[in-house]
Amino acid sequence: MKKDITITWKGHSCFRIECDGYSIVFDPYSDNTVPGYGLVREEADQVLCSHEHGDHNFREAVTIVPSGKENPFTITTVGCPHDDDGGKKRGMNLIHVLDNGTLRIAHFGDIGCPLNEKQKETIGRLDAALVPVGGYYTMEPEGIAEMVKELQPRVVIPMHYRTESFGYPVIGTLEDYLKLVSGEILRCEGNTYTLTENSPEQTVVLTYQG
C-alpha cells in the first residue's frame, strides 16, 4: 500500500485528505458562511467535522461515494475546548489524528486553549499538523506557535485565517502567524501538498483555488 498522503486545502478549515485511493474531507463549511470562499462540493469515502458550527459541519457538501478501498487510517480523536473557558463560550472541539502506519497527521479544528500533557501524549508524534492561525475564535497565533514548538510536527499547514480576498474580518492574517515561525516556509502555487516519509521540516502555505 502506498503510504504518501495528499493534502488539499479547500478553504477555511476544509481539507481533502487522500491515501491509497481512500479520501476523507474535513470540516466543510456551509454555503456563504465564510466571506470570499466558493462552495464546497466534494465526493469522498468519509467526512469528519471538528465541531458543530456552520463553518465546519456542512456534511451535506460531501457526497459519500465509497471507493472500494480499505480505510488506511487509524483515527484517534482528542477532545478540547473551543475557547479559553473550558468550552463555556463556544463548546467543544475535536482534534482528529490520522495514522496510516507510516505517516501521522492531525487536523486541529478550532482548538481554543493549550493542550495538557495527556492530550499531547495522545496526539503523539506528528508528520503534519493542520492548525488554525487566525485567532479570535481559536487560540491566538502566539499560542498556536507555542503548541507547534511543543509537538514538533515535521510539516505545519496553516488554516482558518484571512487575506484581502477571503476569511472572517475579525480573525488575523497568515502573515501575523508567519512572523512567529522559525525555519523554512514553502509557499505552494497550488492548494495541494503530498506528504511523504522524506518530506522536509517546513511550514507549508497552500494557495486557495476557489
Protein backbone atom coordinates (compact mmCIF):
# COMPACT_ATOMS: atom_id res chain seq x y z
CA MET A 1 0.00 0.00 0.00
CA LYS A 2 1.27 3.44 -0.90
CA LYS A 3 1.78 5.48 2.27
CA ASP A 4 2.03 9.02 0.83
CA ILE A 5 -0.77 11.36 1.93
CA THR A 6 -2.15 14.03 -0.40
CA ILE A 7 -3.45 17.09 1.44
CA THR A 8 -5.66 19.52 -0.49
CA TRP A 9 -6.92 22.75 1.06
CA LYS A 10 -10.49 23.60 0.04
CA GLY A 11 -10.61 26.85 2.03
CA HIS A 12 -11.03 27.95 5.67
CA SER A 13 -10.52 24.71 7.69
CA CYS A 14 -11.72 22.36 4.97
CA PHE A 15 -9.26 19.82 3.61
CA ARG A 16 -9.39 16.75 1.43
CA ILE A 17 -7.04 14.01 2.64
CA GLU A 18 -6.21 11.10 0.31
CA CYS A 19 -4.15 7.96 0.75
CA ASP A 20 -4.09 4.86 -1.45
CA GLY A 21 -7.35 5.81 -3.17
CA TYR A 22 -9.27 6.48 0.07
CA SER A 23 -10.46 10.04 0.75
CA ILE A 24 -11.63 11.99 3.79
CA VAL A 25 -12.98 15.56 3.81
CA PHE A 26 -12.51 17.62 6.97
CA ASP A 27 -14.67 20.49 8.18
CA PRO A 28 -16.66 21.53 5.09
CA TYR A 29 -18.19 24.97 5.59
CA SER A 30 -21.80 25.89 4.80
CA ASP A 31 -22.57 27.90 1.67
CA ASN A 32 -21.84 31.62 2.04
CA THR A 33 -20.78 31.38 5.69
CA VAL A 34 -17.17 32.49 5.22
CA PRO A 35 -16.57 35.62 3.12
CA GLY A 36 -14.72 35.14 -0.14
CA TYR A 37 -14.83 31.36 -0.38
CA GLY A 38 -16.62 29.40 -3.06
CA LEU A 39 -18.94 26.48 -2.42
CA VAL A 40 -17.59 23.17 -1.15
CA ARG A 41 -18.84 20.24 -3.22
CA GLU A 42 -16.89 17.02 -2.82
CA GLU A 43 -17.21 13.27 -3.22
CA ALA A 44 -15.33 11.17 -0.66
CA ASP A 45 -15.33 7.98 1.37
CA GLN A 46 -15.80 9.83 4.64
CA VAL A 47 -16.42 13.27 6.15
CA LEU A 48 -15.17 14.34 9.59
CA CYS A 49 -16.05 17.52 11.49
CA SER A 50 -14.24 19.05 14.43
CA HIS A 51 -17.36 20.67 15.90
CA GLU A 52 -20.91 21.72 15.15
CA HIS A 53 -20.54 25.28 13.88
CA GLY A 54 -21.77 26.11 10.39
CA ASP A 55 -18.34 26.94 9.04
CA HIS A 56 -17.10 23.45 9.97
CA ASN A 57 -20.00 20.98 9.87
CA PHE A 58 -21.70 21.19 6.47
CA ARG A 59 -21.68 17.44 5.87
CA GLU A 60 -24.23 17.87 3.08
CA ALA A 61 -21.43 19.34 0.94
CA VAL A 62 -19.80 15.92 0.76
CA THR A 63 -21.42 13.09 -1.18
CA ILE A 64 -20.29 9.77 0.25
CA VAL A 65 -19.15 7.64 -2.67
CA PRO A 66 -17.31 4.52 -1.49
CA SER A 67 -14.10 3.99 -3.40
CA GLY A 68 -13.98 0.32 -2.55
CA LYS A 69 -10.65 0.93 -0.87
CA GLU A 70 -10.00 -0.01 2.73
CA ASN A 71 -9.54 2.94 5.09
CA PRO A 72 -5.76 3.15 5.51
CA PHE A 73 -6.03 5.31 8.63
CA THR A 74 -6.39 4.60 12.29
CA ILE A 75 -8.34 7.63 13.51
CA THR A 76 -7.92 8.96 17.05
CA THR A 77 -9.90 11.90 18.43
CA VAL A 78 -8.77 14.25 21.18
CA GLY A 79 -11.40 16.47 22.78
CA CYS A 80 -10.52 20.04 23.74
CA PRO A 81 -12.37 23.32 24.38
CA HIS A 82 -13.18 25.66 21.51
CA ASP A 83 -12.35 28.58 23.83
CA ASP A 84 -10.25 29.56 26.83
CA ASP A 85 -13.05 28.90 29.34
CA GLY A 86 -13.50 25.14 29.23
CA GLY A 87 -15.97 25.29 26.34
CA LYS A 88 -18.44 27.59 28.11
CA LYS A 89 -18.23 30.21 25.35
CA ARG A 90 -18.15 28.11 22.17
CA GLY A 91 -18.46 24.47 23.16
CA MET A 92 -16.03 21.67 22.50
CA ASN A 93 -13.75 20.79 19.61
CA LEU A 94 -12.30 17.53 18.31
CA ILE A 95 -8.74 17.12 17.10
CA HIS A 96 -8.56 14.24 14.60
CA VAL A 97 -5.30 12.29 14.34
CA LEU A 98 -4.85 10.07 11.28
CA ASP A 99 -2.16 7.36 11.24
CA ASN A 100 -1.56 5.10 8.25
CA GLY A 101 1.20 3.12 9.92
CA THR A 102 3.94 5.28 8.45
CA LEU A 103 2.70 8.86 8.46
CA ARG A 104 0.71 10.59 11.17
CA ILE A 105 -1.20 13.84 10.68
CA ALA A 106 -3.62 15.88 12.80
CA HIS A 107 -6.40 18.35 11.98
CA PHE A 108 -6.79 20.65 14.99
CA GLY A 109 -10.18 22.16 14.12
CA ASP A 110 -10.89 25.25 16.23
CA ILE A 111 -8.63 24.49 19.18
CA GLY A 112 -9.19 27.21 21.77
CA CYS A 113 -6.64 26.65 24.55
CA PRO A 114 -3.26 25.00 25.23
CA LEU A 115 -3.06 21.22 25.33
CA ASN A 116 -2.49 19.39 28.58
CA GLU A 117 0.09 16.63 28.95
CA LYS A 118 -2.40 13.80 28.41
CA GLN A 119 -3.69 15.40 25.21
CA LYS A 120 -0.16 15.89 23.90
CA GLU A 121 0.67 12.28 24.71
CA THR A 122 -2.41 11.04 22.83
CA ILE A 123 -1.61 13.18 19.79
CA GLY A 124 1.95 11.92 19.84
CA ARG A 125 4.50 12.25 17.07
CA LEU A 126 3.21 14.14 14.03
CA ASP A 127 4.45 14.31 10.48
CA ALA A 128 1.98 17.08 9.67
CA ALA A 129 -0.26 19.42 11.67
CA LEU A 130 -3.15 21.41 10.17
CA VAL A 131 -3.55 24.33 12.56
CA PRO A 132 -5.78 27.44 12.80
CA VAL A 133 -3.64 30.57 12.90
CA GLY A 134 -6.10 33.49 12.74
CA GLY A 135 -7.01 33.62 16.41
CA TYR A 136 -10.16 35.29 17.84
CA TYR A 137 -12.36 32.17 17.55
CA THR A 138 -9.39 29.91 18.28
CA MET A 139 -6.17 30.07 20.24
CA GLU A 140 -4.20 33.15 19.25
CA PRO A 141 -1.24 32.83 16.83
CA GLU A 142 1.30 33.00 19.65
CA GLY A 143 -0.41 30.07 21.38
CA ILE A 144 -0.51 28.05 18.18
CA ALA A 145 3.19 28.75 17.58
CA GLU A 146 3.96 27.57 21.11
CA MET A 147 1.90 24.40 20.60
CA VAL A 148 3.73 23.68 17.35
CA LYS A 149 7.04 24.11 19.16
CA GLU A 150 5.94 21.59 21.78
CA LEU A 151 4.56 18.99 19.36
CA GLN A 152 7.32 19.43 16.75
CA PRO A 153 5.48 18.19 13.65
CA ARG A 154 7.71 17.95 10.58
CA VAL A 155 5.22 19.91 8.46
CA VAL A 156 2.80 22.65 9.53
CA ILE A 157 -0.06 23.75 7.28
CA PRO A 158 -1.86 26.95 8.39
CA MET A 159 -5.64 27.33 8.03
CA HIS A 160 -8.52 29.48 9.36
CA TYR A 161 -7.02 32.92 8.62
CA ARG A 162 -7.96 35.91 6.47
CA THR A 163 -6.49 37.68 3.49
CA GLU A 164 -7.77 40.65 1.48
CA SER A 165 -9.82 38.16 -0.56
CA PHE A 166 -11.30 35.76 1.97
CA GLY A 167 -11.87 34.93 5.62
CA TYR A 168 -13.69 36.48 8.57
CA PRO A 169 -12.67 40.14 9.10
CA VAL A 170 -12.17 39.61 12.86
CA ILE A 171 -9.52 36.91 12.54
CA GLY A 172 -5.84 37.54 11.90
CA THR A 173 -3.80 37.18 8.75
CA LEU A 174 -1.45 34.43 7.68
CA GLU A 175 1.44 36.87 7.82
CA ASP A 176 0.75 37.57 11.51
CA TYR A 177 1.41 33.90 12.19
CA LEU A 178 4.37 33.52 9.83
CA LYS A 179 6.23 36.23 11.76
CA LEU A 180 6.32 33.76 14.65
CA VAL A 181 7.64 30.86 12.56
CA SER A 182 11.28 29.82 12.56
CA GLY A 183 12.66 27.62 9.81
CA GLU A 184 11.79 27.15 6.16
CA ILE A 185 8.49 28.33 4.68
CA LEU A 186 7.29 26.70 1.46
CA ARG A 187 4.66 28.73 -0.40
CA CYS A 188 2.88 26.44 -2.85
CA GLU A 189 1.37 27.84 -6.02
CA GLY A 190 -1.48 25.34 -5.74
CA ASN A 191 -3.69 24.02 -2.98
CA THR A 192 -2.23 20.51 -2.79
CA TYR A 193 0.76 19.10 -0.92
CA THR A 194 1.96 15.49 -0.87
CA LEU A 195 3.35 14.35 2.46
CA THR A 196 5.95 11.59 2.23
CA GLU A 197 8.37 9.87 4.57
CA ASN A 198 11.04 12.20 3.19
CA SER A 199 9.16 15.50 3.45
CA PRO A 200 11.49 18.13 4.95
CA GLU A 201 10.70 20.10 8.08
CA GLN A 202 8.88 23.25 6.99
CA THR A 203 5.76 25.37 7.16
CA VAL A 204 3.71 24.77 4.02
CA VAL A 205 1.40 27.55 2.79
CA LEU A 206 -1.23 26.36 0.34
CA THR A 207 -2.95 28.72 -2.09
CA TYR A 208 -6.74 28.92 -2.16
CA GLN A 209 -8.04 27.78 -5.55
CA GLY A 210 -11.74 28.58 -5.21
